[in-house]
Amino acid sequence: MQDDLMTIRIEVQANTQDKFDLNSIHNAIEERLDEMDIQASTRLE
């Protein structure tokens, strides 16, 4: 029997004239999800 699945979509739109620090983005978002054992896919465009 499959457990009930929950889906959430989070979209962040940000602009900068400089480069984004991808490591900071990872630490602020992806690492927190990993700590909560949440399987997530992320992408930057």
C-alpha atoms as a PDB file:
ATOM      1  CA  MET A   1       0.000   0.000   0.000  1.00  0.00           C
ATOM      2  CA  GLN A   2       1.413   3.376  -0.993  1.00  0.00           C
ATOM      3  CA  ASP A   3       1.541   6.168   1.567  1.00  0.00           C
ATOM      4  CA  ASP A   4      -0.373   9.331   0.778  1.00  0.00           C
ATOM      5  CA  LEU A   5       1.869  11.810  -1.005  1.00  0.00           C
ATOM      6  CA  MET A   6       1.889  15.535  -0.477  1.00  0.00           C
ATOM      7  CA  THR A   7       3.139  17.911  -3.127  1.00  0.00           C
ATOM      8  CA  ILE A   8       4.134  21.508  -2.612  1.00  0.00           C
ATOM      9  CA  ARG A   9       5.533  23.908  -5.171  1.00  0.00           C
ATOM     10  CA  ILE A  10       7.601  26.893  -4.103  1.00  0.00           C
ATOM     11  CA  GLU A  11       8.578  29.475  -6.680  1.00  0.00           C
ATOM     12  CA  VAL A  12      10.996  32.275  -5.929  1.00  0.00           C
ATOM     13  CA  GLN A  13      11.671  35.070  -8.354  1.00  0.00           C
ATOM     14  CA  ALA A  14      14.698  37.228  -7.678  1.00  0.00           C
ATOM     15  CA  ASN A  15      16.761  39.644  -9.708  1.00  0.00           C
ATOM     16  CA  THR A  16      20.255  40.991  -9.297  1.00  0.00           C
ATOM     17  CA  GLN A  17      22.791  42.875 -11.347  1.00  0.00           C
ATOM     18  CA  ASP A  18      25.497  40.768  -9.701  1.00  0.00           C
ATOM     19  CA  LYS A  19      25.814  36.993  -9.720  1.00  0.00           C
ATOM     20  CA  PHE A  20      23.798  34.898  -7.300  1.00  0.00           C
ATOM     21  CA  ASP A  21      25.785  32.884  -4.771  1.00  0.00           C
ATOM     22  CA  LEU A  22      24.588  29.376  -5.632  1.00  0.00           C
ATOM     23  CA  ASN A  23      26.113  27.965  -2.443  1.00  0.00           C
ATOM     24  CA  SER A  24      24.028  30.366  -0.342  1.00  0.00           C
ATOM     25  CA  ILE A  25      20.904  29.359  -2.230  1.00  0.00           C
ATOM     26  CA  HIS A  26      21.693  25.702  -1.599  1.00  0.00           C
ATOM     27  CA  ASN A  27      22.279  26.307   2.115  1.00  0.00           C
ATOM     28  CA  ALA A  28      19.153  28.401   2.554  1.00  0.00           C
ATOM     29  CA  ILE A  29      16.721  26.197   0.657  1.00  0.00           C
ATOM     30  CA  GLU A  30      17.914  22.797  -0.487  1.00  0.00           C
ATOM     31  CA  GLU A  31      19.858  21.898   2.643  1.00  0.00           C
ATOM     32  CA  ARG A  32      16.841  22.642   4.858  1.00  0.00           C
ATOM     33  CA  LEU A  33      14.656  20.336   2.794  1.00  0.00           C
ATOM     34  CA  ASP A  34      17.324  17.627   2.989  1.00  0.00           C
ATOM     35  CA  GLU A  35      17.446  18.001   6.783  1.00  0.00           C
ATOM     36  CA  MET A  36      13.683  17.372   6.907  1.00  0.00           C
ATOM     37  CA  ASP A  37      14.146  14.291   4.701  1.00  0.00           C
ATOM     38  CA  ILE A  38      12.069  15.886   1.946  1.00  0.00           C
ATOM     39  CA  GLN A  39      12.869  14.721  -1.562  1.00  0.00           C
ATOM     40  CA  ALA A  40      12.909  17.800  -3.760  1.00  0.00           C
ATOM     41  CA  SER A  41      14.016  18.888  -7.175  1.00  0.00           C
ATOM     42  CA  THR A  42      15.245  22.386  -7.725  1.00  0.00           C
ATOM     43  CA  ARG A  43      16.389  24.380 -10.714  1.00  0.00           C
ATOM     44  CA  LEU A  44      17.743  27.808 -11.475  1.00  0.00           C
ATOM     45  CA  GLU A  45      16.906  29.523 -14.727  1.00  0.00           C
END
